[in-house]
PDB file of N, CA and C in Angstrom:
ATOM      1  N   MET A   1     102.340  96.776 115.769  1.00  0.00           N
ATOM      2  CA  MET A   1     100.768  97.085 116.227  1.00  0.00           C
ATOM      3  C   MET A   1     100.302  96.968 114.498  1.00  0.00           C
ATOM      4  N   LYS A   2      98.970  97.162 114.428  1.00  0.00           N
ATOM      5  CA  LYS A   2      98.158  97.478 113.696  1.00  0.00           C
ATOM      6  C   LYS A   2      97.443  98.279 113.668  1.00  0.00           C
ATOM      7  N   THR A   3      97.107  98.793 112.184  1.00  0.00           N
ATOM      8  CA  THR A   3      96.710 100.253 112.379  1.00  0.00           C
ATOM      9  C   THR A   3      95.077 100.236 112.714  1.00  0.00           C
ATOM     10  N   VAL A   4      94.815 101.236 113.518  1.00  0.00           N
ATOM     11  CA  VAL A   4      93.358 100.928 114.321  1.00  0.00           C
ATOM     12  C   VAL A   4      92.754 102.678 113.586  1.00  0.00           C
ATOM     13  N   GLU A   5      91.608 102.187 113.191  1.00  0.00           N
ATOM     14  CA  GLU A   5      90.476 103.167 112.541  1.00  0.00           C
ATOM     15  C   GLU A   5      89.294 103.655 113.020  1.00  0.00           C
ATOM     16  N   ILE A   6      89.088 105.081 113.757  1.00  0.00           N
ATOM     17  CA  ILE A   6      87.954 105.194 113.904  1.00  0.00           C
ATOM     18  C   ILE A   6      87.022 106.522 113.164  1.00  0.00           C
ATOM     19  N   TYR A   7      85.804 106.585 113.146  1.00  0.00           N
ATOM     20  CA  TYR A   7      85.158 106.941 112.580  1.00  0.00           C
ATOM     21  C   TYR A   7      84.216 107.730 113.446  1.00  0.00           C
ATOM     22  N   THR A   8      83.981 109.114 114.043  1.00  0.00           N
ATOM     23  CA  THR A   8      83.207 109.680 114.588  1.00  0.00           C
ATOM     24  C   THR A   8      82.204 110.772 114.437  1.00  0.00           C
ATOM     25  N   LYS A   9      81.758 111.169 115.261  1.00  0.00           N
ATOM     26  CA  LYS A   9      80.903 112.667 115.077  1.00  0.00           C
ATOM     27  C   LYS A   9      81.234 113.464 116.675  1.00  0.00           C
ATOM     28  N   PHE A  10      81.512 114.768 115.908  1.00  0.00           N
ATOM     29  CA  PHE A  10      82.119 115.985 117.026  1.00  0.00           C
ATOM     30  C   PHE A  10      81.649 115.671 118.512  1.00  0.00           C
ATOM     31  N   THR A  11      80.232 115.382 118.640  1.00  0.00           N
ATOM     32  CA  THR A  11      79.261 115.403 120.003  1.00  0.00           C
ATOM     33  C   THR A  11      79.092 114.498 120.576  1.00  0.00           C
ATOM     34  N   CYS A  12      79.706 113.127 119.438  1.00  0.00           N
ATOM     35  CA  CYS A  12      79.782 111.821 120.179  1.00  0.00           C
ATOM     36  C   CYS A  12      80.060 111.382 121.572  1.00  0.00           C
ATOM     37  N   GLY A  13      79.315 111.210 122.395  1.00  0.00           N
ATOM     38  CA  GLY A  13      79.622 110.358 124.172  1.00  0.00           C
ATOM     39  C   GLY A  13      80.275 109.052 123.762  1.00  0.00           C
ATOM     40  N   PHE A  14      79.918 108.355 122.809  1.00  0.00           N
ATOM     41  CA  PHE A  14      80.373 106.829 122.454  1.00  0.00           C
ATOM     42  C   PHE A  14      81.714 106.781 122.077  1.00  0.00           C
ATOM     43  N   CYS A  15      81.807 107.872 120.964  1.00  0.00           N
ATOM     44  CA  CYS A  15      82.921 107.928 120.218  1.00  0.00           C
ATOM     45  C   CYS A  15      84.425 108.453 121.602  1.00  0.00           C
ATOM     46  N   TYR A  16      83.480 109.383 122.260  1.00  0.00           N
ATOM     47  CA  TYR A  16      84.467 109.687 123.327  1.00  0.00           C
ATOM     48  C   TYR A  16      84.734 108.555 124.243  1.00  0.00           C
ATOM     49  N   ARG A  17      83.879 107.585 124.738  1.00  0.00           N
ATOM     50  CA  ARG A  17      83.962 106.773 125.528  1.00  0.00           C
ATOM     51  C   ARG A  17      85.414 106.066 124.769  1.00  0.00           C
ATOM     52  N   ALA A  18      85.074 105.242 123.306  1.00  0.00           N
ATOM     53  CA  ALA A  18      86.153 104.978 122.569  1.00  0.00           C
ATOM     54  C   ALA A  18      87.517 105.334 122.835  1.00  0.00           C
ATOM     55  N   LYS A  19      87.807 106.275 122.050  1.00  0.00           N
ATOM     56  CA  LYS A  19      88.820 107.145 122.112  1.00  0.00           C
ATOM     57  C   LYS A  19      89.382 106.956 123.362  1.00  0.00           C
ATOM     58  N   ALA A  20      89.252 106.972 124.256  1.00  0.00           N
ATOM     59  CA  ALA A  20      89.743 106.905 125.848  1.00  0.00           C
ATOM     60  C   ALA A  20      90.151 105.838 125.883  1.00  0.00           C
ATOM     61  N   LEU A  21      89.128 104.798 125.759  1.00  0.00           N
ATOM     62  CA  LEU A  21      90.054 103.586 125.886  1.00  0.00           C
ATOM     63  C   LEU A  21      91.217 102.971 124.898  1.00  0.00           C
ATOM     64  N   LEU A  22      91.060 103.486 123.821  1.00  0.00           N
ATOM     65  CA  LEU A  22      92.530 103.407 123.293  1.00  0.00           C
ATOM     66  C   LEU A  22      93.581 104.075 123.488  1.00  0.00           C
ATOM     67  N   LYS A  23      93.329 105.594 123.671  1.00  0.00           N
ATOM     68  CA  LYS A  23      94.052 106.923 124.538  1.00  0.00           C
ATOM     69  C   LYS A  23      94.342 105.919 125.376  1.00  0.00           C
ATOM     70  N   GLY A  24      93.977 105.243 126.457  1.00  0.00           N
ATOM     71  CA  GLY A  24      94.438 104.349 127.998  1.00  0.00           C
ATOM     72  C   GLY A  24      95.377 103.760 127.760  1.00  0.00           C
ATOM     73  N   LYS A  25      94.871 102.832 126.594  1.00  0.00           N
ATOM     74  CA  LYS A  25      95.770 101.613 126.534  1.00  0.00           C
ATOM     75  C   LYS A  25      97.163 101.999 125.525  1.00  0.00           C
ATOM     76  N   GLY A  26      97.252 103.453 124.986  1.00  0.00           N
ATOM     77  CA  GLY A  26      98.336 103.839 124.403  1.00  0.00           C
ATOM     78  C   GLY A  26      98.750 103.365 122.897  1.00  0.00           C
ATOM     79  N   VAL A  27      97.227 103.467 122.972  1.00  0.00           N
ATOM     80  CA  VAL A  27      96.868 102.536 121.136  1.00  0.00           C
ATOM     81  C   VAL A  27      96.854 103.767 120.562  1.00  0.00           C
ATOM     82  N   ALA A  28      97.784 104.199 119.254  1.00  0.00           N
ATOM     83  CA  ALA A  28      97.697 104.895 118.491  1.00  0.00           C
ATOM     84  C   ALA A  28      96.079 105.158 117.466  1.00  0.00           C
ATOM     85  N   PHE A  29      95.723 106.135 116.941  1.00  0.00           N
ATOM     86  CA  PHE A  29      94.443 105.336 115.862  1.00  0.00           C
ATOM     87  C   PHE A  29      94.425 106.824 115.125  1.00  0.00           C
ATOM     88  N   GLU A  30      93.669 106.183 114.087  1.00  0.00           N
ATOM     89  CA  GLU A  30      93.375 107.474 113.041  1.00  0.00           C
ATOM     90  C   GLU A  30      91.707 107.908 112.485  1.00  0.00           C
ATOM     91  N   GLU A  31      91.821 108.893 113.312  1.00  0.00           N
ATOM     92  CA  GLU A  31      90.032 109.725 113.145  1.00  0.00           C
ATOM     93  C   GLU A  31      89.658 110.367 112.328  1.00  0.00           C
ATOM     94  N   TYR A  32      88.159 109.593 111.623  1.00  0.00           N
ATOM     95  CA  TYR A  32      87.538 110.293 110.751  1.00  0.00           C
ATOM     96  C   TYR A  32      86.837 111.109 111.358  1.00  0.00           C
ATOM     97  N   ASP A  33      85.982 111.971 111.063  1.00  0.00           N
ATOM     98  CA  ASP A  33      85.199 113.351 112.039  1.00  0.00           C
ATOM     99  C   ASP A  33      84.325 113.205 111.056  1.00  0.00           C
ATOM    100  N   ILE A  34      82.955 112.409 110.998  1.00  0.00           N
ATOM    101  CA  ILE A  34      82.177 112.550 109.716  1.00  0.00           C
ATOM    102  C   ILE A  34      80.929 113.010 110.203  1.00  0.00           C
ATOM    103  N   SER A  35      81.191 114.022 111.562  1.00  0.00           N
ATOM    104  CA  SER A  35      79.962 115.010 111.603  1.00  0.00           C
ATOM    105  C   SER A  35      79.303 115.641 110.103  1.00  0.00           C
ATOM    106  N   MET A  36      79.930 115.931 109.288  1.00  0.00           N
ATOM    107  CA  MET A  36      80.279 117.024 108.518  1.00  0.00           C
ATOM    108  C   MET A  36      79.402 116.229 106.697  1.00  0.00           C
ATOM    109  N   GLY A  37      79.463 115.172 107.006  1.00  0.00           N
ATOM    110  CA  GLY A  37      78.932 113.948 106.282  1.00  0.00           C
ATOM    111  C   GLY A  37      80.140 113.742 105.643  1.00  0.00           C
ATOM    112  N   GLY A  38      79.445 113.900 103.641  1.00  0.00           N
ATOM    113  CA  GLY A  38      81.109 113.832 102.708  1.00  0.00           C
ATOM    114  C   GLY A  38      81.530 112.168 102.592  1.00  0.00           C
ATOM    115  N   PRO A  39      82.829 112.878 101.670  1.00  0.00           N
ATOM    116  CA  PRO A  39      83.062 111.091 101.401  1.00  0.00           C
ATOM    117  C   PRO A  39      83.453 110.346 102.672  1.00  0.00           C
ATOM    118  N   LYS A  40      84.290 110.361 103.782  1.00  0.00           N
ATOM    119  CA  LYS A  40      84.683 109.872 104.512  1.00  0.00           C
ATOM    120  C   LYS A  40      82.865 108.824 105.649  1.00  0.00           C
ATOM    121  N   ARG A  41      82.419 109.761 105.342  1.00  0.00           N
ATOM    122  CA  ARG A  41      81.016 109.000 106.032  1.00  0.00           C
ATOM    123  C   ARG A  41      80.431 107.559 104.656  1.00  0.00           C
ATOM    124  N   GLU A  42      80.397 107.863 103.542  1.00  0.00           N
ATOM    125  CA  GLU A  42      80.138 107.257 102.419  1.00  0.00           C
ATOM    126  C   GLU A  42      80.637 105.693 102.547  1.00  0.00           C
ATOM    127  N   GLU A  43      82.647 105.961 103.004  1.00  0.00           N
ATOM    128  CA  GLU A  43      83.269 105.051 103.396  1.00  0.00           C
ATOM    129  C   GLU A  43      82.920 103.854 104.413  1.00  0.00           C
ATOM    130  N   MET A  44      82.584 104.983 105.355  1.00  0.00           N
ATOM    131  CA  MET A  44      82.718 104.335 106.569  1.00  0.00           C
ATOM    132  C   MET A  44      81.176 103.320 106.256  1.00  0.00           C
ATOM    133  N   LEU A  45      80.285 103.531 105.496  1.00  0.00           N
ATOM    134  CA  LEU A  45      79.165 102.983 105.575  1.00  0.00           C
ATOM    135  C   LEU A  45      78.821 101.635 104.959  1.00  0.00           C
ATOM    136  N   GLU A  46      80.065 101.946 103.953  1.00  0.00           N
ATOM    137  CA  GLU A  46      80.852 100.989 103.031  1.00  0.00           C
ATOM    138  C   GLU A  46      81.987  99.565 103.426  1.00  0.00           C
ATOM    139  N   ARG A  47      82.031 100.315 104.137  1.00  0.00           N
ATOM    140  CA  ARG A  47      82.988  99.177 105.384  1.00  0.00           C
ATOM    141  C   ARG A  47      82.661  98.635 105.940  1.00  0.00           C
ATOM    142  N   SER A  48      81.627  99.019 106.858  1.00  0.00           N
ATOM    143  CA  SER A  48      80.846  98.339 108.089  1.00  0.00           C
ATOM    144  C   SER A  48      79.704  98.364 107.777  1.00  0.00           C
ATOM    145  N   GLY A  49      79.812  97.839 106.055  1.00  0.00           N
ATOM    146  CA  GLY A  49      78.487  96.617 106.085  1.00  0.00           C
ATOM    147  C   GLY A  49      77.010  97.929 106.176  1.00  0.00           C
ATOM    148  N   GLY A  50      77.173  99.131 106.222  1.00  0.00           N
ATOM    149  CA  GLY A  50      75.959  99.826 105.785  1.00  0.00           C
ATOM    150  C   GLY A  50      75.385 100.303 107.879  1.00  0.00           C
ATOM    151  N   GLY A  51      76.563 100.195 108.521  1.00  0.00           N
ATOM    152  CA  GLY A  51      77.031 100.749 109.617  1.00  0.00           C
ATOM    153  C   GLY A  51      76.477 102.146 109.891  1.00  0.00           C
ATOM    154  N   ARG A  52      75.197 102.760 110.741  1.00  0.00           N
ATOM    155  CA  ARG A  52      75.166 104.366 110.434  1.00  0.00           C
ATOM    156  C   ARG A  52      75.639 104.766 111.504  1.00  0.00           C
ATOM    157  N   THR A  53      75.672 104.224 112.698  1.00  0.00           N
ATOM    158  CA  THR A  53      75.772 104.719 113.803  1.00  0.00           C
ATOM    159  C   THR A  53      77.173 104.881 114.358  1.00  0.00           C
ATOM    160  N   VAL A  54      77.882 106.028 115.207  1.00  0.00           N
ATOM    161  CA  VAL A  54      79.612 105.848 114.883  1.00  0.00           C
ATOM    162  C   VAL A  54      79.344 105.793 116.458  1.00  0.00           C
ATOM    163  N   PRO A  55      80.952 105.744 117.037  1.00  0.00           N
ATOM    164  CA  PRO A  55      82.056 105.027 116.319  1.00  0.00           C
ATOM    165  C   PRO A  55      81.560 104.065 115.153  1.00  0.00           C
ATOM    166  N   GLN A  56      82.547 104.321 114.541  1.00  0.00           N
ATOM    167  CA  GLN A  56      82.687 102.756 113.680  1.00  0.00           C
ATOM    168  C   GLN A  56      84.219 102.624 114.145  1.00  0.00           C
ATOM    169  N   ILE A  57      84.854 101.073 114.340  1.00  0.00           N
ATOM    170  CA  ILE A  57      85.936 101.109 114.617  1.00  0.00           C
ATOM    171  C   ILE A  57      86.211  99.653 114.005  1.00  0.00           C
ATOM    172  N   PHE A  58      87.788 100.113 113.137  1.00  0.00           N
ATOM    173  CA  PHE A  58      88.554  99.025 112.383  1.00  0.00           C
ATOM    174  C   PHE A  58      89.826  98.888 112.809  1.00  0.00           C
ATOM    175  N   ILE A  59      90.338  97.637 112.877  1.00  0.00           N
ATOM    176  CA  ILE A  59      91.483  97.115 113.553  1.00  0.00           C
ATOM    177  C   ILE A  59      92.127  96.122 112.609  1.00  0.00           C
ATOM    178  N   GLY A  60      93.095  96.921 111.962  1.00  0.00           N
ATOM    179  CA  GLY A  60      93.828  95.825 110.811  1.00  0.00           C
ATOM    180  C   GLY A  60      93.357  95.886 109.366  1.00  0.00           C
ATOM    181  N   GLY A  61      91.949  96.330 109.359  1.00  0.00           N
ATOM    182  CA  GLY A  61      91.061  96.918 108.552  1.00  0.00           C
ATOM    183  C   GLY A  61      89.756  95.983 108.699  1.00  0.00           C
ATOM    184  N   ALA A  62      90.206  94.959 109.981  1.00  0.00           N
ATOM    185  CA  ALA A  62      89.046  94.272 109.976  1.00  0.00           C
ATOM    186  C   ALA A  62      87.858  95.211 110.437  1.00  0.00           C
ATOM    187  N   HIS A  63      86.382  95.207 110.485  1.00  0.00           N
ATOM    188  CA  HIS A  63      85.445  95.918 111.210  1.00  0.00           C
ATOM    189  C   HIS A  63      85.042  94.908 112.820  1.00  0.00           C
ATOM    190  N   ILE A  64      85.048  95.972 113.709  1.00  0.00           N
ATOM    191  CA  ILE A  64      85.134  95.302 114.881  1.00  0.00           C
ATOM    192  C   ILE A  64      83.476  96.011 115.913  1.00  0.00           C
ATOM    193  N   GLY A  65      83.062  96.880 114.819  1.00  0.00           N
ATOM    194  CA  GLY A  65      81.695  97.537 115.495  1.00  0.00           C
ATOM    195  C   GLY A  65      82.330  99.016 115.883  1.00  0.00           C
ATOM    196  N   GLY A  66      81.413  99.501 117.282  1.00  0.00           N
ATOM    197  CA  GLY A  66      81.177  99.972 117.599  1.00  0.00           C
ATOM    198  C   GLY A  66      81.854 100.440 119.189  1.00  0.00           C
ATOM    199  N   SER A  67      81.659 101.021 120.281  1.00  0.00           N
ATOM    200  CA  SER A  67      82.176 101.297 121.519  1.00  0.00           C
ATOM    201  C   SER A  67      81.674  99.950 122.512  1.00  0.00           C
ATOM    202  N   ASP A  68      80.452  99.782 122.506  1.00  0.00           N
ATOM    203  CA  ASP A  68      80.530  98.273 123.122  1.00  0.00           C
ATOM    204  C   ASP A  68      81.114  97.364 122.877  1.00  0.00           C
ATOM    205  N   ASP A  69      81.247  97.554 121.607  1.00  0.00           N
ATOM    206  CA  ASP A  69      81.714  95.818 121.187  1.00  0.00           C
ATOM    207  C   ASP A  69      83.069  96.020 121.677  1.00  0.00           C
ATOM    208  N   LEU A  70      84.349  97.341 121.357  1.00  0.00           N
ATOM    209  CA  LEU A  70      85.205  97.498 121.561  1.00  0.00           C
ATOM    210  C   LEU A  70      85.726  97.048 123.166  1.00  0.00           C
ATOM    211  N   ALA A  71      85.079  98.052 124.168  1.00  0.00           N
ATOM    212  CA  ALA A  71      84.883  97.606 125.345  1.00  0.00           C
ATOM    213  C   ALA A  71      84.436  96.075 125.606  1.00  0.00           C
ATOM    214  N   ALA A  72      83.653  95.337 124.921  1.00  0.00           N
ATOM    215  CA  ALA A  72      83.807  94.380 125.370  1.00  0.00           C
ATOM    216  C   ALA A  72      84.747  93.291 125.126  1.00  0.00           C
ATOM    217  N   LEU A  73      85.384  93.458 123.450  1.00  0.00           N
ATOM    218  CA  LEU A  73      87.026  92.762 123.397  1.00  0.00           C
ATOM    219  C   LEU A  73      88.046  93.427 124.593  1.00  0.00           C
ATOM    220  N   GLU A  74      88.401  94.307 125.646  1.00  0.00           N
ATOM    221  CA  GLU A  74      89.028  95.040 126.089  1.00  0.00           C
ATOM    222  C   GLU A  74      88.500  93.990 128.000  1.00  0.00           C
ATOM    223  N   ARG A  75      86.948  93.481 128.158  1.00  0.00           N
ATOM    224  CA  ARG A  75      86.625  92.954 129.333  1.00  0.00           C
ATOM    225  C   ARG A  75      86.889  91.582 129.262  1.00  0.00           C
ATOM    226  N   GLU A  76      86.801  91.134 127.448  1.00  0.00           N
ATOM    227  CA  GLU A  76      86.917  89.755 127.361  1.00  0.00           C
ATOM    228  C   GLU A  76      88.398  88.849 127.730  1.00  0.00           C
ATOM    229  N   GLY A  77      89.457  90.059 127.276  1.00  0.00           N
ATOM    230  CA  GLY A  77      91.144  90.085 127.164  1.00  0.00           C
ATOM    231  C   GLY A  77      91.966  89.331 125.994  1.00  0.00           C
ATOM    232  N   ARG A  78      90.545  90.040 125.240  1.00  0.00           N
ATOM    233  CA  ARG A  78      91.000  89.992 123.586  1.00  0.00           C
ATOM    234  C   ARG A  78      91.314  91.278 122.536  1.00  0.00           C
ATOM    235  N   LEU A  79      91.059  92.241 123.213  1.00  0.00           N
ATOM    236  CA  LEU A  79      91.729  93.096 122.523  1.00  0.00           C
ATOM    237  C   LEU A  79      93.186  93.108 122.060  1.00  0.00           C
ATOM    238  N   ASP A  80      93.954  93.279 123.344  1.00  0.00           N
ATOM    239  CA  ASP A  80      95.228  93.328 123.024  1.00  0.00           C
ATOM    240  C   ASP A  80      95.804  92.407 122.126  1.00  0.00           C
ATOM    241  N   ALA A  81      95.450  91.205 121.566  1.00  0.00           N
ATOM    242  CA  ALA A  81      95.822  90.270 120.801  1.00  0.00           C
ATOM    243  C   ALA A  81      95.315  90.660 119.557  1.00  0.00           C
ATOM    244  N   MET A  82      94.366  91.547 119.426  1.00  0.00           N
ATOM    245  CA  MET A  82      93.806  91.717 118.010  1.00  0.00           C
ATOM    246  C   MET A  82      95.008  93.098 117.685  1.00  0.00           C
ATOM    247  N   LEU A  83      95.722  93.515 118.551  1.00  0.00           N
ATOM    248  CA  LEU A  83      96.035  94.824 117.948  1.00  0.00           C
ATOM    249  C   LEU A  83      97.548  94.756 117.672  1.00  0.00           C
ATOM    250  N   VAL A  84      98.304  93.797 117.825  1.00  0.00           N
ATOM    251  CA  VAL A  84      99.296  93.275 117.683  1.00  0.00           C
ATOM    252  C   VAL A  84      99.330  92.233 116.308  1.00  0.00           C
ATOM    253  N   ASP A  85     100.603  92.961 115.132  1.00  0.00           N
ATOM    254  CA  ASP A  85     100.690  92.629 113.804  1.00  0.00           C
ATOM    255  C   ASP A  85     100.958  91.207 114.199  1.00  0.00           C
TER     256      ASP A  85
END
């Protein structure tokens, strides 16, 4: 399974929804809480091409976008294939 990384903020409903989708599929992920800013926020901005909203989600190092993008991949039946090595 590819590495999944998600940049979040503590009070973000979209973050909760994305994490729930991943957990529901049994997908382990690395979460980076950027609620207080710091170096992980700067890393997120760089990796996402300037994306300032959360969540920002990466699968196997590739930026896939936010919660709506993740949900669309699942609806279209493409998420499972993206998760496999």
